[in-house]
Amino acid sequence: IKVDDVRELSRQLVLTSQLGGYKVALIAFADNMNINAANSLLKTLEEPTDNSVLVLVSSRPHRLPITIRSRCQQIHFAPPAPDVALQWLQQQGLDNARALLTLAHGSPLLAQRLGEDALLEPRQALLAALLASDGQATLLDSAAALAKWPLDHLLGWLYDWTCDLIRAQQQAEPALVHQDYQPDIARLAASIPGQALYGFLDQVLQLKRVQSIPLNSQLLWEDLLISWERLKTRARTHVGT
């Protein structure tokens, strides 16, 4: 969300409502505002126009500047209980509801989208690239293919994949997110050194923090896949010794 978007919103809020009622603005994924956009919104929050309501929606409110959060009334929405969410998804006709709910971290609406939209396709492309056996030979091709998909979805899947490997090493709960790849996860977790995995996780987290900034996606994926290939190479070396 860029500063020009927020400025246009502020301009609209100054106008008089057509029917003389409230003007309501909804900012979805508010934590994706860059610093200039957040500063511009701050001015509107400090001096709102009459009969205006701004609703900021975020699943990561800690990423909003404290100056923004301090001027908002915070309302927290907890996800429904797993059994309730599972029953609702099954009522929507999703046969693999349980697996989709796990992939969506308990969010039923996201699970529904995963089942109905093409959001699982980039996941399959990513995991195919991570499990490719010919390594460097297809790395550039894989990076070019992944660069065509939404970055936030792919980084989310990659983060879950890395956390799954760490969970498998520690035999920790909760269950794996990528449960359908459990044999591959178990094989890699048994061979990749834990310290190397945490280093890779840090790299993924750093990119997730700046994913709203325009980046060269192909170079980003080339760098990530090179790092991943090094992990697998260390794993083979570790097994060999």
Protein backbone atom coordinates (compact mmCIF):
# COMPACT_ATOMS: atom_id res chain seq x y z
CA ILE A 1 0.00 0.00 0.00
CA LYS A 2 1.68 3.18 -1.22
CA VAL A 3 1.41 6.79 -0.12
CA ASP A 4 -0.61 7.81 -3.20
CA ASP A 5 -3.31 5.27 -2.25
CA VAL A 6 -3.63 6.76 1.23
CA ARG A 7 -3.65 10.31 -0.09
CA GLU A 8 -6.49 9.44 -2.46
CA LEU A 9 -8.40 7.87 0.44
CA SER A 10 -7.93 11.00 2.54
CA ARG A 11 -9.15 13.14 -0.36
CA GLN A 12 -12.29 11.03 -0.65
CA LEU A 13 -13.00 11.28 3.08
CA VAL A 14 -13.03 15.07 2.91
CA LEU A 15 -15.97 14.95 0.49
CA THR A 16 -19.53 15.07 1.80
CA SER A 17 -21.42 11.79 1.93
CA GLN A 18 -24.01 11.57 -0.85
CA LEU A 19 -26.83 10.66 1.56
CA GLY A 20 -25.48 12.61 4.50
CA GLY A 21 -24.52 9.50 6.46
CA TYR A 22 -21.22 8.07 7.61
CA LYS A 23 -18.24 7.59 5.30
CA VAL A 24 -16.54 4.24 5.94
CA ALA A 25 -13.10 3.29 4.65
CA LEU A 26 -11.74 -0.25 4.88
CA ILE A 27 -7.97 -0.80 4.65
CA ALA A 28 -7.34 -4.52 4.22
CA PHE A 29 -3.87 -5.88 4.99
CA ALA A 30 -3.08 -2.56 6.66
CA ASP A 31 0.35 -3.80 7.77
CA ASN A 32 1.40 -3.69 4.09
CA MET A 33 1.52 0.11 4.18
CA ASN A 34 4.98 1.46 3.58
CA ILE A 35 6.34 4.07 5.99
CA ASN A 36 5.28 7.03 3.85
CA ALA A 37 1.75 5.70 3.53
CA ALA A 38 1.54 5.12 7.29
CA ASN A 39 2.70 8.65 7.98
CA SER A 40 0.12 10.03 5.56
CA LEU A 41 -2.64 8.01 7.22
CA LEU A 42 -1.51 9.26 10.61
CA LYS A 43 -2.50 12.80 9.65
CA THR A 44 -6.02 11.62 8.81
CA LEU A 45 -6.28 9.70 12.09
CA GLU A 46 -5.16 12.74 14.08
CA GLU A 47 -7.63 15.09 12.37
CA PRO A 48 -10.49 12.96 10.99
CA THR A 49 -13.29 14.54 9.05
CA ASP A 50 -16.79 14.49 10.52
CA ASN A 51 -18.80 11.26 10.31
CA SER A 52 -15.84 9.23 9.05
CA VAL A 53 -14.92 5.71 10.17
CA LEU A 54 -11.66 4.00 9.19
CA VAL A 55 -11.37 0.24 9.65
CA LEU A 56 -7.85 -1.20 9.48
CA VAL A 57 -7.69 -4.97 9.09
CA SER A 58 -4.48 -6.84 9.84
CA SER A 59 -3.44 -10.31 10.91
CA ARG A 60 -0.06 -8.85 11.91
CA PRO A 61 -0.93 -5.67 13.84
CA HIS A 62 2.52 -5.63 15.46
CA ARG A 63 3.86 -4.56 12.07
CA LEU A 64 1.82 -1.36 12.15
CA PRO A 65 3.67 1.66 13.56
CA ILE A 66 2.90 2.28 17.22
CA THR A 67 1.73 5.78 16.27
CA ILE A 68 -1.02 4.20 14.14
CA ARG A 69 -2.01 1.58 16.72
CA SER A 70 -2.22 4.12 19.54
CA ARG A 71 -4.86 6.09 17.65
CA CYS A 72 -7.09 3.10 16.89
CA GLN A 73 -9.52 1.13 18.98
CA GLN A 74 -8.22 -2.42 18.76
CA ILE A 75 -10.71 -5.28 18.37
CA HIS A 76 -9.30 -8.80 18.34
CA PHE A 77 -10.99 -11.64 16.46
CA ALA A 78 -9.97 -15.15 17.42
CA PRO A 79 -10.27 -17.97 14.86
CA PRO A 80 -13.11 -20.45 15.45
CA ALA A 81 -12.44 -23.73 17.19
CA PRO A 82 -10.97 -26.34 14.81
CA ASP A 83 -14.03 -28.62 15.06
CA VAL A 84 -16.37 -25.74 14.25
CA ALA A 85 -14.23 -24.61 11.31
CA LEU A 86 -13.91 -28.17 10.01
CA GLN A 87 -17.68 -28.74 10.16
CA TRP A 88 -18.32 -25.48 8.29
CA LEU A 89 -15.81 -26.36 5.56
CA GLN A 90 -17.36 -29.78 5.10
CA GLN A 91 -20.74 -28.11 4.72
CA GLN A 92 -19.25 -26.10 1.86
CA GLY A 93 -18.54 -29.37 0.04
CA LEU A 94 -14.74 -29.53 0.53
CA ASP A 95 -13.68 -33.17 0.72
CA ASN A 96 -10.13 -32.43 1.92
CA ALA A 97 -11.29 -29.88 4.51
CA ARG A 98 -8.98 -31.05 7.29
CA ALA A 99 -5.83 -30.78 5.16
CA LEU A 100 -6.88 -27.38 3.82
CA LEU A 101 -7.57 -26.10 7.32
CA THR A 102 -4.08 -27.16 8.40
CA LEU A 103 -2.54 -25.39 5.41
CA ALA A 104 -4.54 -22.27 6.33
CA HIS A 105 -3.38 -22.33 9.99
CA GLY A 106 -6.96 -22.74 11.23
CA SER A 107 -8.50 -19.94 9.15
CA PRO A 108 -11.67 -21.38 7.54
CA LEU A 109 -12.13 -18.62 4.96
CA LEU A 110 -8.55 -19.01 3.72
CA ALA A 111 -9.00 -22.79 3.69
CA GLN A 112 -12.09 -22.31 1.54
CA ARG A 113 -10.12 -20.13 -0.88
CA LEU A 114 -7.38 -22.73 -1.05
CA GLY A 115 -9.94 -25.33 -2.01
CA GLU A 116 -11.74 -23.23 -4.60
CA ASP A 117 -9.02 -21.04 -6.13
CA ALA A 118 -5.67 -21.74 -7.74
CA LEU A 119 -3.71 -20.80 -4.60
CA LEU A 120 -2.39 -24.34 -4.18
CA GLU A 121 -0.75 -24.31 -7.60
CA PRO A 122 2.15 -22.03 -6.57
CA ARG A 123 2.65 -24.25 -3.51
CA GLN A 124 3.07 -27.30 -5.73
CA ALA A 125 5.52 -25.39 -7.95
CA LEU A 126 7.56 -24.29 -4.93
CA LEU A 127 7.77 -27.72 -3.33
CA ALA A 128 8.64 -29.31 -6.66
CA ALA A 129 11.56 -26.87 -6.96
CA LEU A 130 12.70 -27.60 -3.39
CA LEU A 131 12.61 -31.35 -3.96
CA ALA A 132 14.19 -31.33 -7.43
CA SER A 133 17.00 -33.87 -7.56
CA ASP A 134 19.12 -32.25 -10.29
CA GLY A 135 19.82 -29.15 -8.22
CA GLN A 136 21.79 -26.44 -10.03
CA ALA A 137 20.74 -27.71 -13.47
CA THR A 138 17.17 -26.50 -13.05
CA LEU A 139 17.70 -23.76 -10.47
CA LEU A 140 17.45 -20.84 -12.91
CA ASP A 141 14.40 -22.34 -14.61
CA SER A 142 12.73 -22.90 -11.23
CA ALA A 143 13.47 -19.34 -10.14
CA ALA A 144 11.97 -17.96 -13.37
CA ALA A 145 8.82 -20.07 -12.88
CA LEU A 146 8.39 -19.08 -9.23
CA ALA A 147 8.88 -15.39 -10.04
CA LYS A 148 5.55 -15.45 -11.89
CA TRP A 149 3.55 -16.30 -8.75
CA PRO A 150 2.50 -13.91 -5.92
CA LEU A 151 5.49 -13.46 -3.64
CA ASP A 152 3.55 -13.33 -0.36
CA HIS A 153 1.91 -16.73 -0.94
CA LEU A 154 5.18 -18.40 -1.89
CA LEU A 155 7.17 -16.95 1.00
CA GLY A 156 4.40 -18.10 3.34
CA TRP A 157 4.60 -21.66 1.99
CA LEU A 158 8.41 -21.59 2.21
CA TYR A 159 8.27 -20.34 5.80
CA ASP A 160 5.87 -23.16 6.72
CA TRP A 161 8.11 -25.69 4.94
CA THR A 162 11.18 -24.60 6.89
CA CYS A 163 9.27 -24.61 10.19
CA ASP A 164 8.00 -28.11 9.36
CA LEU A 165 11.58 -29.31 8.99
CA ILE A 166 12.49 -27.80 12.36
CA ARG A 167 9.39 -29.34 13.99
CA ALA A 168 10.31 -32.73 12.55
CA GLN A 169 13.81 -32.47 13.97
CA GLN A 170 12.48 -31.54 17.39
CA GLN A 171 9.48 -33.89 17.18
CA ALA A 172 7.44 -30.92 18.35
CA GLU A 173 3.77 -30.05 18.21
CA PRO A 174 1.67 -28.79 16.47
CA ALA A 175 1.42 -31.11 13.51
CA LEU A 176 3.16 -30.37 10.22
CA VAL A 177 1.56 -27.83 7.91
CA HIS A 178 2.67 -29.67 4.76
CA GLN A 179 1.40 -33.01 6.02
CA ASP A 180 1.10 -34.47 2.52
CA TYR A 181 4.89 -34.19 2.19
CA GLN A 182 5.69 -35.85 5.52
CA PRO A 183 8.08 -38.52 4.08
CA ASP A 184 10.15 -35.84 2.29
CA ILE A 185 10.18 -33.66 5.40
CA ALA A 186 11.29 -36.57 7.59
CA ARG A 187 14.08 -37.48 5.15
CA LEU A 188 15.44 -33.92 4.91
CA ALA A 189 15.03 -33.19 8.63
CA ALA A 190 17.16 -36.23 9.45
CA SER A 191 20.04 -35.01 7.31
CA ILE A 192 20.11 -31.18 7.29
CA PRO A 193 21.95 -29.68 10.29
CA GLY A 194 19.58 -27.78 12.57
CA GLN A 195 21.77 -24.67 12.74
CA ALA A 196 21.73 -24.41 8.95
CA LEU A 197 17.94 -24.64 8.94
CA TYR A 198 17.62 -21.77 11.39
CA GLY A 199 19.93 -19.70 9.20
CA PHE A 200 17.71 -20.37 6.20
CA LEU A 201 14.62 -19.51 8.25
CA ASP A 202 16.19 -16.15 9.13
CA GLN A 203 16.72 -15.49 5.43
CA VAL A 204 13.06 -16.24 4.66
CA LEU A 205 11.85 -14.07 7.56
CA GLN A 206 13.95 -11.15 6.40
CA LEU A 207 12.36 -11.35 2.97
CA LYS A 208 8.86 -11.61 4.44
CA ARG A 209 9.48 -8.33 6.28
CA VAL A 210 10.29 -6.48 3.06
CA GLN A 211 7.96 -8.30 0.66
CA SER A 212 5.79 -5.20 0.20
CA ILE A 213 8.80 -3.37 -1.30
CA PRO A 214 9.21 -3.78 -5.09
CA LEU A 215 11.81 -6.53 -5.55
CA ASN A 216 13.30 -8.40 -8.47
CA SER A 217 11.45 -11.66 -7.92
CA GLN A 218 13.67 -13.79 -10.14
CA LEU A 219 16.87 -12.68 -8.41
CA LEU A 220 15.16 -13.21 -5.05
CA TRP A 221 14.24 -16.79 -5.93
CA GLU A 222 17.63 -17.51 -7.43
CA ASP A 223 19.22 -16.44 -4.14
CA LEU A 224 16.77 -18.49 -2.05
CA LEU A 225 17.12 -21.61 -4.18
CA ILE A 226 20.93 -21.34 -4.14
CA SER A 227 20.78 -21.17 -0.33
CA TRP A 228 18.43 -24.16 -0.27
CA GLU A 229 20.66 -26.16 -2.63
CA ARG A 230 23.58 -25.50 -0.29
CA LEU A 231 21.50 -26.91 2.55
CA LYS A 232 20.81 -30.08 0.59
CA THR A 233 24.49 -30.35 -0.35
CA ARG A 234 25.43 -30.08 3.33
CA ALA A 235 22.84 -32.70 4.07
CA ARG A 236 24.38 -35.14 1.57
CA THR A 237 27.84 -34.41 2.97
CA HIS A 238 26.53 -34.88 6.52
CA VAL A 239 25.01 -38.24 5.61
CA GLY A 240 28.17 -39.31 3.84
CA THR A 241 30.30 -38.70 6.92
